[in-house]
Amino acid sequence: MCGRACPEGKKIVHRAEHPTTPEQIAGYKTLYAQGLIRPGNLEIWVMDAGRQPQHQVTHNGAAIFAPFYHPDGKRLVWASNRKGKEPHETNVFIADCVK
């Protein structure tokens, strides 16, 4: 998990994939026991600093890289291969934070 705190330090944004089916969980555990992971679709999650629960922000079904809070604390910025028109194309996204 890669996370960044918002400028006030009250929220943390990170990317993660959470296996849900028994097959996905078993595959994850098998690889993890070998010190490996399988690249997958990563989504953006936000949580209060030091607390649970986390809240899923995106439902892209694509890889997400380097999510962070914009210095103004009102927007999230990240890179993703979502909507890429060419192989390996990565785009930068920015979105307003809403409560």
PDB file of N, CA and C in Angstrom:
ATOM      1  N   MET A   1       0.851  -1.171   0.000  1.00  0.00           N
ATOM      2  CA  MET A   1       0.000   0.000   0.000  1.00  0.00           C
ATOM      3  C   MET A   1       0.896   1.232   0.000  1.00  0.00           C
ATOM      4  N   CYS A   2       0.556   2.153  -0.848  1.00  0.00           N
ATOM      5  CA  CYS A   2       1.298   3.405  -0.945  1.00  0.00           C
ATOM      6  C   CYS A   2       0.361   4.523  -0.532  1.00  0.00           C
ATOM      7  N   GLY A   3       0.675   5.306   0.453  1.00  0.00           N
ATOM      8  CA  GLY A   3      -0.257   6.319   0.924  1.00  0.00           C
ATOM      9  C   GLY A   3       0.362   7.690   1.054  1.00  0.00           C
ATOM     10  N   ARG A   4      -0.456   8.709   0.951  1.00  0.00           N
ATOM     11  CA  ARG A   4      -0.037  10.095   1.120  1.00  0.00           C
ATOM     12  C   ARG A   4      -1.065  10.799   1.994  1.00  0.00           C
ATOM     13  N   ALA A   5      -0.621  11.636   2.896  1.00  0.00           N
ATOM     14  CA  ALA A   5      -1.536  12.383   3.761  1.00  0.00           C
ATOM     15  C   ALA A   5      -1.922  13.691   3.099  1.00  0.00           C
ATOM     16  N   CYS A   6      -3.150  14.138   3.371  1.00  0.00           N
ATOM     17  CA  CYS A   6      -3.578  15.438   2.865  1.00  0.00           C
ATOM     18  C   CYS A   6      -2.785  16.518   3.593  1.00  0.00           C
ATOM     19  N   PRO A   7      -2.768  17.736   3.055  1.00  0.00           N
ATOM     20  CA  PRO A   7      -1.934  18.782   3.655  1.00  0.00           C
ATOM     21  C   PRO A   7      -2.179  19.005   5.150  1.00  0.00           C
ATOM     22  N   GLU A   8      -3.399  18.841   5.614  1.00  0.00           N
ATOM     23  CA  GLU A   8      -3.671  19.035   7.046  1.00  0.00           C
ATOM     24  C   GLU A   8      -3.298  17.812   7.866  1.00  0.00           C
ATOM     25  N   GLY A   9      -2.973  16.697   7.196  1.00  0.00           N
ATOM     26  CA  GLY A   9      -2.606  15.470   7.890  1.00  0.00           C
ATOM     27  C   GLY A   9      -3.775  14.719   8.485  1.00  0.00           C
ATOM     28  N   LYS A  10      -5.004  15.028   8.074  1.00  0.00           N
ATOM     29  CA  LYS A  10      -6.178  14.382   8.639  1.00  0.00           C
ATOM     30  C   LYS A  10      -6.669  13.201   7.813  1.00  0.00           C
ATOM     31  N   LYS A  11      -6.310  13.145   6.560  1.00  0.00           N
ATOM     32  CA  LYS A  11      -6.750  12.068   5.668  1.00  0.00           C
ATOM     33  C   LYS A  11      -5.535  11.455   4.984  1.00  0.00           C
ATOM     34  N   ILE A  12      -5.654  10.197   4.634  1.00  0.00           N
ATOM     35  CA  ILE A  12      -4.616   9.490   3.895  1.00  0.00           C
ATOM     36  C   ILE A  12      -5.246   8.924   2.639  1.00  0.00           C
ATOM     37  N   VAL A  13      -4.572   9.105   1.520  1.00  0.00           N
ATOM     38  CA  VAL A  13      -5.009   8.522   0.257  1.00  0.00           C
ATOM     39  C   VAL A  13      -3.990   7.457  -0.129  1.00  0.00           C
ATOM     40  N   HIS A  14      -4.478   6.314  -0.614  1.00  0.00           N
ATOM     41  CA  HIS A  14      -3.580   5.243  -1.044  1.00  0.00           C
ATOM     42  C   HIS A  14      -4.254   4.439  -2.142  1.00  0.00           C
ATOM     43  N   ARG A  15      -3.492   3.573  -2.751  1.00  0.00           N
ATOM     44  CA  ARG A  15      -4.039   2.689  -3.778  1.00  0.00           C
ATOM     45  C   ARG A  15      -3.955   1.261  -3.269  1.00  0.00           C
ATOM     46  N   ALA A  16      -4.943   0.472  -3.642  1.00  0.00           N
ATOM     47  CA  ALA A  16      -4.955  -0.915  -3.176  1.00  0.00           C
ATOM     48  C   ALA A  16      -5.893  -1.749  -4.030  1.00  0.00           C
ATOM     49  N   GLU A  17      -5.649  -3.035  -4.004  1.00  0.00           N
ATOM     50  CA  GLU A  17      -6.565  -4.010  -4.578  1.00  0.00           C
ATOM     51  C   GLU A  17      -6.866  -5.009  -3.476  1.00  0.00           C
ATOM     52  N   HIS A  18      -8.127  -5.282  -3.236  1.00  0.00           N
ATOM     53  CA  HIS A  18      -8.533  -6.200  -2.178  1.00  0.00           C
ATOM     54  C   HIS A  18      -9.191  -7.426  -2.802  1.00  0.00           C
ATOM     55  N   PRO A  19      -8.519  -8.576  -2.766  1.00  0.00           N
ATOM     56  CA  PRO A  19      -9.134  -9.783  -3.307  1.00  0.00           C
ATOM     57  C   PRO A  19     -10.416 -10.102  -2.537  1.00  0.00           C
ATOM     58  N   THR A  20     -11.436 -10.550  -3.253  1.00  0.00           N
ATOM     59  CA  THR A  20     -12.726 -10.802  -2.600  1.00  0.00           C
ATOM     60  C   THR A  20     -13.203 -12.247  -2.728  1.00  0.00           C
ATOM     61  N   THR A  21     -12.935 -12.903  -3.845  1.00  0.00           N
ATOM     62  CA  THR A  21     -13.424 -14.276  -4.016  1.00  0.00           C
ATOM     63  C   THR A  21     -12.448 -15.244  -3.351  1.00  0.00           C
ATOM     64  N   PRO A  22     -12.913 -16.436  -2.997  1.00  0.00           N
ATOM     65  CA  PRO A  22     -11.995 -17.424  -2.406  1.00  0.00           C
ATOM     66  C   PRO A  22     -10.799 -17.722  -3.310  1.00  0.00           C
ATOM     67  N   GLU A  23     -11.018 -17.756  -4.623  1.00  0.00           N
ATOM     68  CA  GLU A  23      -9.926 -18.021  -5.553  1.00  0.00           C
ATOM     69  C   GLU A  23      -8.905 -16.875  -5.545  1.00  0.00           C
ATOM     70  N   GLN A  24      -9.392 -15.640  -5.553  1.00  0.00           N
ATOM     71  CA  GLN A  24      -8.492 -14.487  -5.520  1.00  0.00           C
ATOM     72  C   GLN A  24      -7.692 -14.459  -4.223  1.00  0.00           C
ATOM     73  N   ILE A  25      -8.347 -14.718  -3.121  1.00  0.00           N
ATOM     74  CA  ILE A  25      -7.681 -14.712  -1.816  1.00  0.00           C
ATOM     75  C   ILE A  25      -6.622 -15.806  -1.744  1.00  0.00           C
ATOM     76  N   ALA A  26      -6.965 -17.012  -2.209  1.00  0.00           N
ATOM     77  CA  ALA A  26      -6.003 -18.121  -2.193  1.00  0.00           C
ATOM     78  C   ALA A  26      -4.799 -17.799  -3.077  1.00  0.00           C
ATOM     79  N   GLY A  27      -5.042 -17.242  -4.253  1.00  0.00           N
ATOM     80  CA  GLY A  27      -3.947 -16.876  -5.152  1.00  0.00           C
ATOM     81  C   GLY A  27      -3.050 -15.818  -4.540  1.00  0.00           C
ATOM     82  N   TYR A  28      -3.670 -14.825  -3.895  1.00  0.00           N
ATOM     83  CA  TYR A  28      -2.901 -13.766  -3.229  1.00  0.00           C
ATOM     84  C   TYR A  28      -2.028 -14.357  -2.129  1.00  0.00           C
ATOM     85  N   LYS A  29      -2.609 -15.216  -1.289  1.00  0.00           N
ATOM     86  CA  LYS A  29      -1.854 -15.793  -0.173  1.00  0.00           C
ATOM     87  C   LYS A  29      -0.714 -16.682  -0.651  1.00  0.00           C
ATOM     88  N   THR A  30      -0.944 -17.427  -1.720  1.00  0.00           N
ATOM     89  CA  THR A  30       0.100 -18.294  -2.267  1.00  0.00           C
ATOM     90  C   THR A  30       1.284 -17.465  -2.745  1.00  0.00           C
ATOM     91  N   LEU A  31       1.005 -16.417  -3.514  1.00  0.00           N
ATOM     92  CA  LEU A  31       2.091 -15.562  -3.994  1.00  0.00           C
ATOM     93  C   LEU A  31       2.776 -14.821  -2.849  1.00  0.00           C
ATOM     94  N   TYR A  32       1.980 -14.307  -1.916  1.00  0.00           N
ATOM     95  CA  TYR A  32       2.536 -13.545  -0.795  1.00  0.00           C
ATOM     96  C   TYR A  32       3.494 -14.406   0.032  1.00  0.00           C
ATOM     97  N   ALA A  33       3.160 -15.674   0.221  1.00  0.00           N
ATOM     98  CA  ALA A  33       4.022 -16.590   0.978  1.00  0.00           C
ATOM     99  C   ALA A  33       5.378 -16.759   0.288  1.00  0.00           C
ATOM    100  N   GLN A  34       5.412 -16.487  -1.014  1.00  0.00           N
ATOM    101  CA  GLN A  34       6.659 -16.585  -1.773  1.00  0.00           C
ATOM    102  C   GLN A  34       7.339 -15.223  -1.926  1.00  0.00           C
ATOM    103  N   GLY A  35       6.772 -14.204  -1.275  1.00  0.00           N
ATOM    104  CA  GLY A  35       7.321 -12.866  -1.374  1.00  0.00           C
ATOM    105  C   GLY A  35       7.009 -12.200  -2.706  1.00  0.00           C
ATOM    106  N   LEU A  36       5.929 -12.618  -3.345  1.00  0.00           N
ATOM    107  CA  LEU A  36       5.553 -12.107  -4.657  1.00  0.00           C
ATOM    108  C   LEU A  36       4.165 -11.476  -4.625  1.00  0.00           C
ATOM    109  N   ILE A  37       3.902 -10.633  -5.602  1.00  0.00           N
ATOM    110  CA  ILE A  37       2.555 -10.115  -5.818  1.00  0.00           C
ATOM    111  C   ILE A  37       2.269 -10.138  -7.310  1.00  0.00           C
ATOM    112  N   ARG A  38       1.008 -10.153  -7.672  1.00  0.00           N
ATOM    113  CA  ARG A  38       0.614 -10.097  -9.075  1.00  0.00           C
ATOM    114  C   ARG A  38       0.048  -8.704  -9.341  1.00  0.00           C
ATOM    115  N   PRO A  39       0.577  -8.006 -10.339  1.00  0.00           N
ATOM    116  CA  PRO A  39       0.009  -6.693 -10.656  1.00  0.00           C
ATOM    117  C   PRO A  39      -1.472  -6.829 -10.989  1.00  0.00           C
ATOM    118  N   GLY A  40      -2.236  -5.855 -10.594  1.00  0.00           N
ATOM    119  CA  GLY A  40      -3.667  -5.921 -10.855  1.00  0.00           C
ATOM    120  C   GLY A  40      -4.267  -4.542 -10.953  1.00  0.00           C
ATOM    121  N   ASN A  41      -5.572  -4.510 -10.900  1.00  0.00           N
ATOM    122  CA  ASN A  41      -6.284  -3.241 -10.933  1.00  0.00           C
ATOM    123  C   ASN A  41      -6.253  -2.641  -9.537  1.00  0.00           C
ATOM    124  N   LEU A  42      -5.736  -1.454  -9.439  1.00  0.00           N
ATOM    125  CA  LEU A  42      -5.632  -0.767  -8.160  1.00  0.00           C
ATOM    126  C   LEU A  42      -6.615   0.388  -8.140  1.00  0.00           C
ATOM    127  N   GLU A  43      -7.284   0.569  -7.034  1.00  0.00           N
ATOM    128  CA  GLU A  43      -8.250   1.651  -6.870  1.00  0.00           C
ATOM    129  C   GLU A  43      -7.751   2.610  -5.801  1.00  0.00           C
ATOM    130  N   ILE A  44      -8.312   3.810  -5.800  1.00  0.00           N
ATOM    131  CA  ILE A  44      -7.956   4.811  -4.796  1.00  0.00           C
ATOM    132  C   ILE A  44      -8.869   4.658  -3.592  1.00  0.00           C
ATOM    133  N   TRP A  45      -8.259   4.692  -2.425  1.00  0.00           N
ATOM    134  CA  TRP A  45      -8.963   4.608  -1.145  1.00  0.00           C
ATOM    135  C   TRP A  45      -8.534   5.792  -0.286  1.00  0.00           C
ATOM    136  N   VAL A  46      -9.437   6.295   0.535  1.00  0.00           N
ATOM    137  CA  VAL A  46      -9.158   7.393   1.459  1.00  0.00           C
ATOM    138  C   VAL A  46      -9.598   6.961   2.852  1.00  0.00           C
ATOM    139  N   MET A  47      -8.840   7.377   3.846  1.00  0.00           N
ATOM    140  CA  MET A  47      -9.201   7.063   5.230  1.00  0.00           C
ATOM    141  C   MET A  47      -8.729   8.184   6.143  1.00  0.00           C
ATOM    142  N   ASP A  48      -9.340   8.271   7.312  1.00  0.00           N
ATOM    143  CA  ASP A  48      -8.873   9.205   8.325  1.00  0.00           C
ATOM    144  C   ASP A  48      -7.506   8.738   8.811  1.00  0.00           C
ATOM    145  N   ALA A  49      -6.616   9.657   9.067  1.00  0.00           N
ATOM    146  CA  ALA A  49      -5.268   9.308   9.526  1.00  0.00           C
ATOM    147  C   ALA A  49      -5.351   8.510  10.824  1.00  0.00           C
ATOM    148  N   GLY A  50      -4.748   7.328  10.817  1.00  0.00           N
ATOM    149  CA  GLY A  50      -4.696   6.503  12.014  1.00  0.00           C
ATOM    150  C   GLY A  50      -5.975   5.768  12.356  1.00  0.00           C
ATOM    151  N   ARG A  51      -6.982   5.829  11.503  1.00  0.00           N
ATOM    152  CA  ARG A  51      -8.252   5.169  11.822  1.00  0.00           C
ATOM    153  C   ARG A  51      -8.806   4.426  10.618  1.00  0.00           C
ATOM    154  N   GLN A  52      -9.738   3.567  10.899  1.00  0.00           N
ATOM    155  CA  GLN A  52     -10.523   2.893   9.873  1.00  0.00           C
ATOM    156  C   GLN A  52     -11.925   3.467   9.968  1.00  0.00           C
ATOM    157  N   PRO A  53     -12.819   3.281   9.086  1.00  0.00           N
ATOM    158  CA  PRO A  53     -12.656   2.472   7.881  1.00  0.00           C
ATOM    159  C   PRO A  53     -12.118   3.300   6.730  1.00  0.00           C
ATOM    160  N   GLN A  54     -11.699   2.608   5.714  1.00  0.00           N
ATOM    161  CA  GLN A  54     -11.292   3.288   4.499  1.00  0.00           C
ATOM    162  C   GLN A  54     -12.488   3.363   3.560  1.00  0.00           C
ATOM    163  N   HIS A  55     -12.443   4.309   2.656  1.00  0.00           N
ATOM    164  CA  HIS A  55     -13.538   4.550   1.728  1.00  0.00           C
ATOM    165  C   HIS A  55     -12.985   4.470   0.313  1.00  0.00           C
ATOM    166  N   GLN A  56     -13.575   3.615  -0.526  1.00  0.00           N
ATOM    167  CA  GLN A  56     -13.125   3.495  -1.905  1.00  0.00           C
ATOM    168  C   GLN A  56     -13.611   4.686  -2.715  1.00  0.00           C
ATOM    169  N   VAL A  57     -12.681   5.337  -3.416  1.00  0.00           N
ATOM    170  CA  VAL A  57     -12.986   6.539  -4.181  1.00  0.00           C
ATOM    171  C   VAL A  57     -13.204   6.231  -5.654  1.00  0.00           C
ATOM    172  N   THR A  58     -12.366   5.372  -6.235  1.00  0.00           N
ATOM    173  CA  THR A  58     -12.486   5.063  -7.655  1.00  0.00           C
ATOM    174  C   THR A  58     -12.997   3.638  -7.856  1.00  0.00           C
ATOM    175  N   HIS A  59     -13.547   3.425  -9.020  1.00  0.00           N
ATOM    176  CA  HIS A  59     -13.975   2.098  -9.478  1.00  0.00           C
ATOM    177  C   HIS A  59     -13.575   1.999 -10.949  1.00  0.00           C
ATOM    178  N   ASN A  60     -12.277   2.187 -11.208  1.00  0.00           N
ATOM    179  CA  ASN A  60     -11.777   2.267 -12.574  1.00  0.00           C
ATOM    180  C   ASN A  60     -11.572   0.931 -13.253  1.00  0.00           C
ATOM    181  N   GLY A  61     -11.221  -0.090 -12.475  1.00  0.00           N
ATOM    182  CA  GLY A  61     -10.856  -1.357 -13.086  1.00  0.00           C
ATOM    183  C   GLY A  61      -9.564  -1.227 -13.889  1.00  0.00           C
ATOM    184  N   ALA A  62      -8.683  -0.347 -13.449  1.00  0.00           N
ATOM    185  CA  ALA A  62      -7.420  -0.092 -14.144  1.00  0.00           C
ATOM    186  C   ALA A  62      -6.336   0.156 -13.102  1.00  0.00           C
ATOM    187  N   ALA A  63      -5.112   0.196 -13.558  1.00  0.00           N
ATOM    188  CA  ALA A  63      -4.005   0.481 -12.650  1.00  0.00           C
ATOM    189  C   ALA A  63      -3.999   1.967 -12.295  1.00  0.00           C
ATOM    190  N   ILE A  64      -3.642   2.260 -11.062  1.00  0.00           N
ATOM    191  CA  ILE A  64      -3.523   3.641 -10.586  1.00  0.00           C
ATOM    192  C   ILE A  64      -2.148   3.780  -9.941  1.00  0.00           C
ATOM    193  N   PHE A  65      -1.508   4.913 -10.199  1.00  0.00           N
ATOM    194  CA  PHE A  65      -0.161   5.158  -9.678  1.00  0.00           C
ATOM    195  C   PHE A  65      -0.112   6.491  -8.947  1.00  0.00           C
ATOM    196  N   ALA A  66       0.621   6.532  -7.854  1.00  0.00           N
ATOM    197  CA  ALA A  66       0.986   7.759  -7.145  1.00  0.00           C
ATOM    198  C   ALA A  66      -0.174   8.684  -6.802  1.00  0.00           C
ATOM    199  N   PRO A  67      -1.218   8.179  -6.141  1.00  0.00           N
ATOM    200  CA  PRO A  67      -2.280   9.105  -5.745  1.00  0.00           C
ATOM    201  C   PRO A  67      -1.789  10.041  -4.640  1.00  0.00           C
ATOM    202  N   PHE A  68      -2.175  11.310  -4.734  1.00  0.00           N
ATOM    203  CA  PHE A  68      -1.804  12.253  -3.680  1.00  0.00           C
ATOM    204  C   PHE A  68      -2.810  13.392  -3.635  1.00  0.00           C
ATOM    205  N   TYR A  69      -2.830  14.057  -2.500  1.00  0.00           N
ATOM    206  CA  TYR A  69      -3.654  15.249  -2.359  1.00  0.00           C
ATOM    207  C   TYR A  69      -2.925  16.417  -2.986  1.00  0.00           C
ATOM    208  N   HIS A  70      -3.636  17.190  -3.785  1.00  0.00           N
ATOM    209  CA  HIS A  70      -3.103  18.432  -4.335  1.00  0.00           C
ATOM    210  C   HIS A  70      -2.744  19.319  -3.141  1.00  0.00           C
ATOM    211  N   PRO A  71      -1.731  20.167  -3.250  1.00  0.00           N
ATOM    212  CA  PRO A  71      -1.363  21.022  -2.113  1.00  0.00           C
ATOM    213  C   PRO A  71      -2.505  21.889  -1.571  1.00  0.00           C
ATOM    214  N   ASP A  72      -3.538  22.154  -2.393  1.00  0.00           N
ATOM    215  CA  ASP A  72      -4.660  22.943  -1.879  1.00  0.00           C
ATOM    216  C   ASP A  72      -5.566  22.131  -0.959  1.00  0.00           C
ATOM    217  N   GLY A  73      -5.343  20.802  -0.876  1.00  0.00           N
ATOM    218  CA  GLY A  73      -6.126  19.941   0.005  1.00  0.00           C
ATOM    219  C   GLY A  73      -7.543  19.688  -0.463  1.00  0.00           C
ATOM    220  N   LYS A  74      -7.906  20.185  -1.632  1.00  0.00           N
ATOM    221  CA  LYS A  74      -9.277  20.060  -2.123  1.00  0.00           C
ATOM    222  C   LYS A  74      -9.410  19.105  -3.300  1.00  0.00           C
ATOM    223  N   ARG A  75      -8.285  18.603  -3.783  1.00  0.00           N
ATOM    224  CA  ARG A  75      -8.314  17.749  -4.961  1.00  0.00           C
ATOM    225  C   ARG A  75      -7.362  16.570  -4.810  1.00  0.00           C
ATOM    226  N   LEU A  76      -7.693  15.478  -5.494  1.00  0.00           N
ATOM    227  CA  LEU A  76      -6.816  14.322  -5.595  1.00  0.00           C
ATOM    228  C   LEU A  76      -6.214  14.301  -6.991  1.00  0.00           C
ATOM    229  N   VAL A  77      -4.955  13.868  -7.080  1.00  0.00           N
ATOM    230  CA  VAL A  77      -4.261  13.751  -8.353  1.00  0.00           C
ATOM    231  C   VAL A  77      -3.678  12.341  -8.417  1.00  0.00           C
ATOM    232  N   TRP A  78      -3.745  11.716  -9.596  1.00  0.00           N
ATOM    233  CA  TRP A  78      -3.154  10.395  -9.774  1.00  0.00           C
ATOM    234  C   TRP A  78      -2.911  10.135 -11.250  1.00  0.00           C
ATOM    235  N   ALA A  79      -2.116   9.121 -11.529  1.00  0.00           N
ATOM    236  CA  ALA A  79      -1.872   8.664 -12.895  1.00  0.00           C
ATOM    237  C   ALA A  79      -2.535   7.303 -13.050  1.00  0.00           C
ATOM    238  N   SER A  80      -3.001   7.008 -14.278  1.00  0.00           N
ATOM    239  CA  SER A  80      -3.661   5.734 -14.529  1.00  0.00           C
ATOM    240  C   SER A  80      -3.596   5.392 -16.015  1.00  0.00           C
ATOM    241  N   ASN A  81      -3.701   4.093 -16.299  1.00  0.00           N
ATOM    242  CA  ASN A  81      -3.797   3.666 -17.687  1.00  0.00           C
ATOM    243  C   ASN A  81      -5.258   3.628 -18.155  1.00  0.00           C
ATOM    244  N   ARG A  82      -6.171   4.080 -17.317  1.00  0.00           N
ATOM    245  CA  ARG A  82      -7.585   4.157 -17.688  1.00  0.00           C
ATOM    246  C   ARG A  82      -7.752   5.108 -18.877  1.00  0.00           C
ATOM    247  N   LYS A  83      -8.568   4.712 -19.804  1.00  0.00           N
ATOM    248  CA  LYS A  83      -8.870   5.491 -21.018  1.00  0.00           C
ATOM    249  C   LYS A  83      -7.664   5.655 -21.938  1.00  0.00           C
ATOM    250  N   GLY A  84      -6.626   4.850 -21.744  1.00  0.00           N
ATOM    251  CA  GLY A  84      -5.481   4.909 -22.635  1.00  0.00           C
ATOM    252  C   GLY A  84      -5.864   4.415 -24.026  1.00  0.00           C
ATOM    253  N   LYS A  85      -5.418   5.110 -25.036  1.00  0.00           N
ATOM    254  CA  LYS A  85      -5.740   4.736 -26.413  1.00  0.00           C
ATOM    255  C   LYS A  85      -4.615   3.917 -27.056  1.00  0.00           C
ATOM    256  N   GLU A  86      -3.441   3.974 -26.474  1.00  0.00           N
ATOM    257  CA  GLU A  86      -2.279   3.235 -26.970  1.00  0.00           C
ATOM    258  C   GLU A  86      -1.783   2.304 -25.864  1.00  0.00           C
ATOM    259  N   PRO A  87      -1.135   1.190 -26.221  1.00  0.00           N
ATOM    260  CA  PRO A  87      -0.584   0.310 -25.189  1.00  0.00           C
ATOM    261  C   PRO A  87       0.377   1.077 -24.279  1.00  0.00           C
ATOM    262  N   HIS A  88       0.277   0.838 -23.005  1.00  0.00           N
ATOM    263  CA  HIS A  88       1.143   1.422 -21.974  1.00  0.00           C
ATOM    264  C   HIS A  88       0.954   2.933 -21.799  1.00  0.00           C
ATOM    265  N   GLU A  89      -0.082   3.503 -22.388  1.00  0.00           N
ATOM    266  CA  GLU A  89      -0.344   4.935 -22.224  1.00  0.00           C
ATOM    267  C   GLU A  89      -0.808   5.205 -20.802  1.00  0.00           C
ATOM    268  N   THR A  90      -0.259   6.236 -20.199  1.00  0.00           N
ATOM    269  CA  THR A  90      -0.642   6.648 -18.850  1.00  0.00           C
ATOM    270  C   THR A  90      -1.098   8.095 -18.892  1.00  0.00           C
ATOM    271  N   ASN A  91      -2.192   8.383 -18.221  1.00  0.00           N
ATOM    272  CA  ASN A  91      -2.750   9.726 -18.176  1.00  0.00           C
ATOM    273  C   ASN A  91      -2.794  10.223 -16.732  1.00  0.00           C
ATOM    274  N   VAL A  92      -2.806  11.533 -16.561  1.00  0.00           N
ATOM    275  CA  VAL A  92      -2.898  12.145 -15.250  1.00  0.00           C
ATOM    276  C   VAL A  92      -4.331  12.604 -15.040  1.00  0.00           C
ATOM    277  N   PHE A  93      -4.887  12.313 -13.864  1.00  0.00           N
ATOM    278  CA  PHE A  93      -6.254  12.670 -13.525  1.00  0.00           C
ATOM    279  C   PHE A  93      -6.251  13.582 -12.301  1.00  0.00           C
ATOM    280  N   ILE A  94      -7.201  14.466 -12.229  1.00  0.00           N
ATOM    281  CA  ILE A  94      -7.389  15.337 -11.063  1.00  0.00           C
ATOM    282  C   ILE A  94      -8.884  15.408 -10.794  1.00  0.00           C
ATOM    283  N   ALA A  95      -9.246  15.315  -9.534  1.00  0.00           N
ATOM    284  CA  ALA A  95     -10.668  15.327  -9.171  1.00  0.00           C
ATOM    285  C   ALA A  95     -10.869  16.115  -7.880  1.00  0.00           C
ATOM    286  N   ASP A  96     -11.986  16.812  -7.793  1.00  0.00           N
ATOM    287  CA  ASP A  96     -12.339  17.523  -6.573  1.00  0.00           C
ATOM    288  C   ASP A  96     -12.679  16.527  -5.477  1.00  0.00           C
ATOM    289  N   CYS A  97     -12.249  16.808  -4.265  1.00  0.00           N
ATOM    290  CA  CYS A  97     -12.624  15.993  -3.095  1.00  0.00           C
ATOM    291  C   CYS A  97     -14.006  16.429  -2.663  1.00  0.00           C
ATOM    292  N   VAL A  98     -14.887  15.485  -2.451  1.00  0.00           N
ATOM    293  CA  VAL A  98     -16.224  15.787  -1.962  1.00  0.00           C
ATOM    294  C   VAL A  98     -16.459  14.975  -0.705  1.00  0.00           C
ATOM    295  N   LYS A  99     -17.317  15.477   0.148  1.00  0.00           N
ATOM    296  CA  LYS A  99     -17.605  14.768   1.397  1.00  0.00           C
ATOM    297  C   LYS A  99     -18.842  13.941   1.247  1.00  0.00           C
TER     298      LYS A  99
END
